[in-house]
Amino acid sequence: MSKSVTDEQIQALAATAQPYSLALLQWGPERAREGADTIELEHQRRMVSLRAEGVIAILCPVTSDTVAGAAIMTVPAKEAMEIMAEDPCVQAGMMHCEVYPCHGFPGDALPA
């Protein structure tokens, strides 16, 4: 960190914060169940569809034995939890999901 950030810059950025939800998916006990590949493909199709619809702003699959992925969602936490409860992998016990209300800054993006 070579650039000094002023209190005013922090306050100006904080004033632009908007509510989002962070969905954190972790692998569950049924990860390797029979038919897991087919169920996971439907999970992936659903997550990409939610991204295309704008319900998921940022989608981050994770390469881990414990964490399956994270998504920044544009809906309130209660609605995000309801959406994720319908996920094929969650319903099959392959994943479980925790949703946290959070704030983000409109226009933030992953670098290309």
N, C-alpha and C. Protein backbone atom coordinates (compact mmCIF):
# COMPACT_ATOMS: atom_id res chain seq x y z
N MET A 1 0.85 -1.18 0.00
CA MET A 1 0.00 0.00 0.00
C MET A 1 0.89 1.23 0.00
N SER A 2 0.98 1.84 -1.13
CA SER A 2 1.82 3.02 -1.22
C SER A 2 0.99 4.31 -1.23
N LYS A 3 -0.28 4.21 -1.56
CA LYS A 3 -1.12 5.40 -1.63
C LYS A 3 -1.82 5.64 -0.30
N SER A 4 -1.74 6.84 0.18
CA SER A 4 -2.41 7.21 1.42
C SER A 4 -3.87 7.55 1.12
N VAL A 5 -4.76 7.00 1.91
CA VAL A 5 -6.19 7.26 1.75
C VAL A 5 -6.64 8.17 2.88
N THR A 6 -7.34 9.22 2.51
CA THR A 6 -7.79 10.19 3.52
C THR A 6 -9.10 9.75 4.15
N ASP A 7 -9.39 10.32 5.30
CA ASP A 7 -10.67 10.07 5.95
C ASP A 7 -11.82 10.48 5.05
N GLU A 8 -11.66 11.57 4.32
CA GLU A 8 -12.70 12.06 3.44
C GLU A 8 -12.97 11.07 2.30
N GLN A 9 -11.92 10.45 1.77
CA GLN A 9 -12.09 9.45 0.71
C GLN A 9 -12.85 8.23 1.23
N ILE A 10 -12.52 7.82 2.44
CA ILE A 10 -13.22 6.69 3.06
C ILE A 10 -14.69 7.03 3.24
N GLN A 11 -14.99 8.21 3.76
CA GLN A 11 -16.37 8.62 3.99
C GLN A 11 -17.14 8.74 2.67
N ALA A 12 -16.49 9.25 1.64
CA ALA A 12 -17.15 9.39 0.33
C ALA A 12 -17.50 8.02 -0.24
N LEU A 13 -16.58 7.07 -0.13
CA LEU A 13 -16.86 5.72 -0.62
C LEU A 13 -17.96 5.06 0.21
N ALA A 14 -17.87 5.18 1.52
CA ALA A 14 -18.87 4.58 2.40
C ALA A 14 -20.27 5.10 2.09
N ALA A 15 -20.38 6.34 1.67
CA ALA A 15 -21.68 6.93 1.35
C ALA A 15 -22.32 6.27 0.12
N THR A 16 -21.53 5.58 -0.70
CA THR A 16 -22.08 4.94 -1.90
C THR A 16 -22.46 3.48 -1.68
N ALA A 17 -22.19 2.95 -0.49
CA ALA A 17 -22.44 1.53 -0.22
C ALA A 17 -23.92 1.17 -0.40
N GLN A 18 -24.15 0.01 -0.98
CA GLN A 18 -25.49 -0.50 -1.20
C GLN A 18 -25.61 -1.89 -0.56
N PRO A 19 -26.83 -2.28 -0.17
CA PRO A 19 -27.00 -3.61 0.45
C PRO A 19 -26.97 -4.73 -0.59
N TYR A 20 -26.30 -5.80 -0.23
CA TYR A 20 -26.23 -7.03 -1.02
C TYR A 20 -26.32 -8.19 -0.04
N SER A 21 -26.21 -9.39 -0.56
CA SER A 21 -26.15 -10.59 0.28
C SER A 21 -24.98 -11.43 -0.18
N LEU A 22 -24.29 -12.02 0.77
CA LEU A 22 -23.19 -12.94 0.47
C LEU A 22 -23.67 -14.35 0.76
N ALA A 23 -23.72 -15.18 -0.29
CA ALA A 23 -24.08 -16.59 -0.12
C ALA A 23 -22.78 -17.39 -0.13
N LEU A 24 -22.56 -18.14 0.93
CA LEU A 24 -21.38 -18.97 1.05
C LEU A 24 -21.82 -20.43 1.03
N LEU A 25 -21.38 -21.16 0.02
CA LEU A 25 -21.74 -22.57 -0.13
C LEU A 25 -20.58 -23.44 0.33
N GLN A 26 -20.89 -24.39 1.20
CA GLN A 26 -19.89 -25.34 1.68
C GLN A 26 -20.33 -26.74 1.33
N TRP A 27 -19.35 -27.59 1.09
CA TRP A 27 -19.67 -28.98 0.76
C TRP A 27 -20.31 -29.67 1.95
N GLY A 28 -21.31 -30.49 1.67
CA GLY A 28 -22.03 -31.23 2.69
C GLY A 28 -21.68 -32.70 2.68
N PRO A 29 -22.30 -33.46 3.55
CA PRO A 29 -21.97 -34.88 3.71
C PRO A 29 -22.34 -35.74 2.51
N GLU A 30 -23.23 -35.27 1.67
CA GLU A 30 -23.67 -36.07 0.52
C GLU A 30 -22.95 -35.67 -0.77
N ARG A 31 -21.80 -35.02 -0.65
CA ARG A 31 -21.08 -34.52 -1.82
C ARG A 31 -20.83 -35.60 -2.87
N ALA A 32 -20.51 -36.81 -2.44
CA ALA A 32 -20.15 -37.88 -3.38
C ALA A 32 -21.28 -38.87 -3.60
N ARG A 33 -22.50 -38.48 -3.31
CA ARG A 33 -23.65 -39.39 -3.44
C ARG A 33 -23.83 -39.85 -4.88
N GLU A 34 -24.60 -40.90 -5.02
CA GLU A 34 -24.91 -41.40 -6.36
C GLU A 34 -25.63 -40.30 -7.15
N GLY A 35 -25.20 -40.09 -8.38
CA GLY A 35 -25.81 -39.07 -9.24
C GLY A 35 -25.30 -37.67 -8.98
N ALA A 36 -24.23 -37.53 -8.19
CA ALA A 36 -23.73 -36.21 -7.81
C ALA A 36 -23.35 -35.35 -9.02
N ASP A 37 -22.75 -35.95 -10.03
CA ASP A 37 -22.34 -35.16 -11.20
C ASP A 37 -23.53 -34.50 -11.89
N THR A 38 -24.61 -35.24 -12.03
CA THR A 38 -25.82 -34.71 -12.67
C THR A 38 -26.44 -33.60 -11.82
N ILE A 39 -26.48 -33.82 -10.51
CA ILE A 39 -27.06 -32.82 -9.61
C ILE A 39 -26.20 -31.55 -9.63
N GLU A 40 -24.88 -31.72 -9.61
CA GLU A 40 -23.99 -30.55 -9.62
C GLU A 40 -24.10 -29.78 -10.93
N LEU A 41 -24.29 -30.46 -12.04
CA LEU A 41 -24.48 -29.77 -13.32
C LEU A 41 -25.75 -28.92 -13.28
N GLU A 42 -26.81 -29.43 -12.67
CA GLU A 42 -28.04 -28.63 -12.54
C GLU A 42 -27.82 -27.44 -11.61
N HIS A 43 -27.04 -27.63 -10.56
CA HIS A 43 -26.66 -26.52 -9.67
C HIS A 43 -25.93 -25.45 -10.47
N GLN A 44 -24.95 -25.87 -11.27
CA GLN A 44 -24.18 -24.92 -12.07
C GLN A 44 -25.07 -24.17 -13.06
N ARG A 45 -25.97 -24.91 -13.72
CA ARG A 45 -26.89 -24.28 -14.67
C ARG A 45 -27.75 -23.23 -13.96
N ARG A 46 -28.22 -23.55 -12.78
CA ARG A 46 -29.08 -22.63 -12.01
C ARG A 46 -28.30 -21.39 -11.58
N MET A 47 -27.07 -21.59 -11.10
CA MET A 47 -26.26 -20.45 -10.65
C MET A 47 -25.93 -19.53 -11.82
N VAL A 48 -25.58 -20.10 -12.97
CA VAL A 48 -25.29 -19.27 -14.15
C VAL A 48 -26.55 -18.55 -14.62
N SER A 49 -27.69 -19.19 -14.53
CA SER A 49 -28.96 -18.54 -14.88
C SER A 49 -29.25 -17.38 -13.95
N LEU A 50 -29.04 -17.57 -12.64
CA LEU A 50 -29.26 -16.49 -11.67
C LEU A 50 -28.32 -15.32 -11.95
N ARG A 51 -27.10 -15.63 -12.38
CA ARG A 51 -26.14 -14.59 -12.75
C ARG A 51 -26.65 -13.84 -13.98
N ALA A 52 -27.11 -14.56 -14.99
CA ALA A 52 -27.62 -13.94 -16.22
C ALA A 52 -28.83 -13.06 -15.94
N GLU A 53 -29.64 -13.44 -14.94
CA GLU A 53 -30.84 -12.67 -14.57
C GLU A 53 -30.50 -11.46 -13.69
N GLY A 54 -29.26 -11.37 -13.22
CA GLY A 54 -28.86 -10.26 -12.36
C GLY A 54 -29.11 -10.50 -10.88
N VAL A 55 -29.57 -11.68 -10.51
CA VAL A 55 -29.78 -12.01 -9.09
C VAL A 55 -28.43 -12.25 -8.41
N ILE A 56 -27.49 -12.80 -9.17
CA ILE A 56 -26.11 -12.95 -8.70
C ILE A 56 -25.27 -11.94 -9.46
N ALA A 57 -24.59 -11.06 -8.73
CA ALA A 57 -23.73 -10.05 -9.35
C ALA A 57 -22.34 -10.61 -9.61
N ILE A 58 -21.83 -11.37 -8.67
CA ILE A 58 -20.50 -11.97 -8.80
C ILE A 58 -20.60 -13.42 -8.33
N LEU A 59 -20.13 -14.31 -9.17
CA LEU A 59 -20.18 -15.75 -8.90
C LEU A 59 -18.75 -16.27 -8.82
N CYS A 60 -18.41 -16.92 -7.70
CA CYS A 60 -17.05 -17.38 -7.47
C CYS A 60 -17.02 -18.84 -7.03
N PRO A 61 -16.91 -19.78 -7.98
CA PRO A 61 -16.68 -21.16 -7.57
C PRO A 61 -15.33 -21.24 -6.84
N VAL A 62 -15.24 -22.10 -5.85
CA VAL A 62 -14.01 -22.22 -5.05
C VAL A 62 -13.46 -23.63 -5.19
N THR A 63 -12.16 -23.73 -5.38
CA THR A 63 -11.49 -25.02 -5.46
C THR A 63 -11.02 -25.38 -4.06
N SER A 64 -11.81 -26.18 -3.37
CA SER A 64 -11.53 -26.51 -1.98
C SER A 64 -12.28 -27.78 -1.62
N ASP A 65 -11.78 -28.47 -0.63
CA ASP A 65 -12.49 -29.64 -0.14
C ASP A 65 -13.61 -29.27 0.83
N THR A 66 -13.66 -28.02 1.26
CA THR A 66 -14.67 -27.61 2.23
C THR A 66 -15.62 -26.54 1.68
N VAL A 67 -15.09 -25.54 1.01
CA VAL A 67 -15.91 -24.45 0.47
C VAL A 67 -16.18 -24.72 -1.00
N ALA A 68 -17.45 -24.66 -1.40
CA ALA A 68 -17.83 -24.92 -2.79
C ALA A 68 -17.86 -23.64 -3.62
N GLY A 69 -18.23 -22.52 -3.00
CA GLY A 69 -18.29 -21.28 -3.75
C GLY A 69 -18.90 -20.15 -2.95
N ALA A 70 -18.88 -18.97 -3.56
CA ALA A 70 -19.47 -17.78 -2.96
C ALA A 70 -20.15 -16.99 -4.05
N ALA A 71 -21.19 -16.28 -3.68
CA ALA A 71 -21.91 -15.44 -4.63
C ALA A 71 -22.34 -14.16 -3.93
N ILE A 72 -22.13 -13.04 -4.59
CA ILE A 72 -22.68 -11.78 -4.13
C ILE A 72 -24.03 -11.64 -4.84
N MET A 73 -25.08 -11.57 -4.05
CA MET A 73 -26.44 -11.54 -4.60
C MET A 73 -27.05 -10.16 -4.42
N THR A 74 -27.89 -9.78 -5.36
CA THR A 74 -28.47 -8.44 -5.39
C THR A 74 -29.80 -8.34 -4.67
N VAL A 75 -30.18 -9.40 -3.99
CA VAL A 75 -31.46 -9.45 -3.28
C VAL A 75 -31.20 -9.45 -1.77
N PRO A 76 -32.21 -9.09 -0.96
CA PRO A 76 -32.04 -9.13 0.50
C PRO A 76 -31.71 -10.55 0.99
N ALA A 77 -31.08 -10.63 2.15
CA ALA A 77 -30.60 -11.90 2.69
C ALA A 77 -31.72 -12.94 2.82
N LYS A 78 -32.88 -12.54 3.26
CA LYS A 78 -33.99 -13.49 3.42
C LYS A 78 -34.36 -14.10 2.07
N GLU A 79 -34.46 -13.28 1.05
CA GLU A 79 -34.79 -13.77 -0.29
C GLU A 79 -33.65 -14.63 -0.85
N ALA A 80 -32.42 -14.22 -0.59
CA ALA A 80 -31.27 -15.01 -1.05
C ALA A 80 -31.29 -16.39 -0.42
N MET A 81 -31.62 -16.47 0.87
CA MET A 81 -31.68 -17.76 1.55
C MET A 81 -32.78 -18.63 0.95
N GLU A 82 -33.91 -18.03 0.64
CA GLU A 82 -35.01 -18.78 0.01
C GLU A 82 -34.59 -19.30 -1.37
N ILE A 83 -33.92 -18.47 -2.13
CA ILE A 83 -33.44 -18.88 -3.46
C ILE A 83 -32.44 -20.02 -3.33
N MET A 84 -31.51 -19.90 -2.40
CA MET A 84 -30.47 -20.92 -2.26
C MET A 84 -31.02 -22.21 -1.66
N ALA A 85 -32.09 -22.13 -0.90
CA ALA A 85 -32.70 -23.34 -0.34
C ALA A 85 -33.28 -24.22 -1.45
N GLU A 86 -33.57 -23.63 -2.60
CA GLU A 86 -34.11 -24.37 -3.74
C GLU A 86 -33.02 -24.95 -4.64
N ASP A 87 -31.77 -24.69 -4.32
CA ASP A 87 -30.66 -25.18 -5.15
C ASP A 87 -30.61 -26.70 -5.13
N PRO A 88 -30.39 -27.33 -6.29
CA PRO A 88 -30.36 -28.80 -6.34
C PRO A 88 -29.31 -29.43 -5.42
N CYS A 89 -28.12 -28.85 -5.33
CA CYS A 89 -27.09 -29.42 -4.45
C CYS A 89 -27.43 -29.23 -2.97
N VAL A 90 -28.07 -28.13 -2.64
CA VAL A 90 -28.49 -27.89 -1.26
C VAL A 90 -29.58 -28.90 -0.90
N GLN A 91 -30.55 -29.04 -1.78
CA GLN A 91 -31.65 -29.97 -1.50
C GLN A 91 -31.16 -31.41 -1.40
N ALA A 92 -30.10 -31.75 -2.14
CA ALA A 92 -29.57 -33.12 -2.12
C ALA A 92 -28.60 -33.36 -0.97
N GLY A 93 -28.33 -32.34 -0.16
CA GLY A 93 -27.39 -32.49 0.95
C GLY A 93 -25.94 -32.47 0.52
N MET A 94 -25.68 -32.14 -0.75
CA MET A 94 -24.30 -32.07 -1.25
C MET A 94 -23.61 -30.79 -0.80
N MET A 95 -24.40 -29.75 -0.58
CA MET A 95 -23.90 -28.45 -0.14
C MET A 95 -24.84 -27.91 0.92
N HIS A 96 -24.31 -27.03 1.75
CA HIS A 96 -25.19 -26.23 2.59
C HIS A 96 -24.78 -24.78 2.40
N CYS A 97 -25.72 -23.90 2.64
CA CYS A 97 -25.53 -22.49 2.32
C CYS A 97 -25.80 -21.62 3.54
N GLU A 98 -24.93 -20.66 3.74
CA GLU A 98 -25.14 -19.61 4.73
C GLU A 98 -25.21 -18.30 3.97
N VAL A 99 -26.13 -17.43 4.36
CA VAL A 99 -26.29 -16.14 3.70
C VAL A 99 -26.09 -15.04 4.73
N TYR A 100 -25.32 -14.05 4.35
CA TYR A 100 -25.02 -12.92 5.23
C TYR A 100 -25.37 -11.62 4.52
N PRO A 101 -26.06 -10.70 5.22
CA PRO A 101 -26.25 -9.38 4.62
C PRO A 101 -24.89 -8.68 4.58
N CYS A 102 -24.63 -7.96 3.52
CA CYS A 102 -23.36 -7.24 3.40
C CYS A 102 -23.60 -5.96 2.61
N HIS A 103 -22.57 -5.19 2.47
CA HIS A 103 -22.63 -3.97 1.66
C HIS A 103 -21.51 -4.03 0.62
N GLY A 104 -21.77 -3.43 -0.52
CA GLY A 104 -20.78 -3.34 -1.58
C GLY A 104 -20.88 -1.99 -2.23
N PHE A 105 -19.99 -1.76 -3.17
CA PHE A 105 -19.90 -0.48 -3.83
C PHE A 105 -20.23 -0.64 -5.30
N PRO A 106 -21.37 -0.11 -5.75
CA PRO A 106 -21.78 -0.26 -7.15
C PRO A 106 -20.65 0.16 -8.09
N GLY A 107 -20.45 -0.67 -9.08
CA GLY A 107 -19.37 -0.41 -10.04
C GLY A 107 -18.13 -1.23 -9.77
N ASP A 108 -17.99 -1.75 -8.54
CA ASP A 108 -16.85 -2.64 -8.27
C ASP A 108 -16.97 -3.85 -9.18
N ALA A 109 -15.87 -4.35 -9.65
CA ALA A 109 -15.89 -5.50 -10.55
C ALA A 109 -14.57 -6.24 -10.43
N LEU A 110 -14.58 -7.50 -10.84
CA LEU A 110 -13.36 -8.26 -10.92
C LEU A 110 -12.56 -7.78 -12.11
N PRO A 111 -11.24 -7.71 -12.01
CA PRO A 111 -10.45 -7.28 -13.17
C PRO A 111 -10.57 -8.28 -14.31
N ALA A 112 -10.54 -7.77 -15.53
CA ALA A 112 -10.63 -8.63 -16.72
C ALA A 112 -9.35 -9.42 -16.90
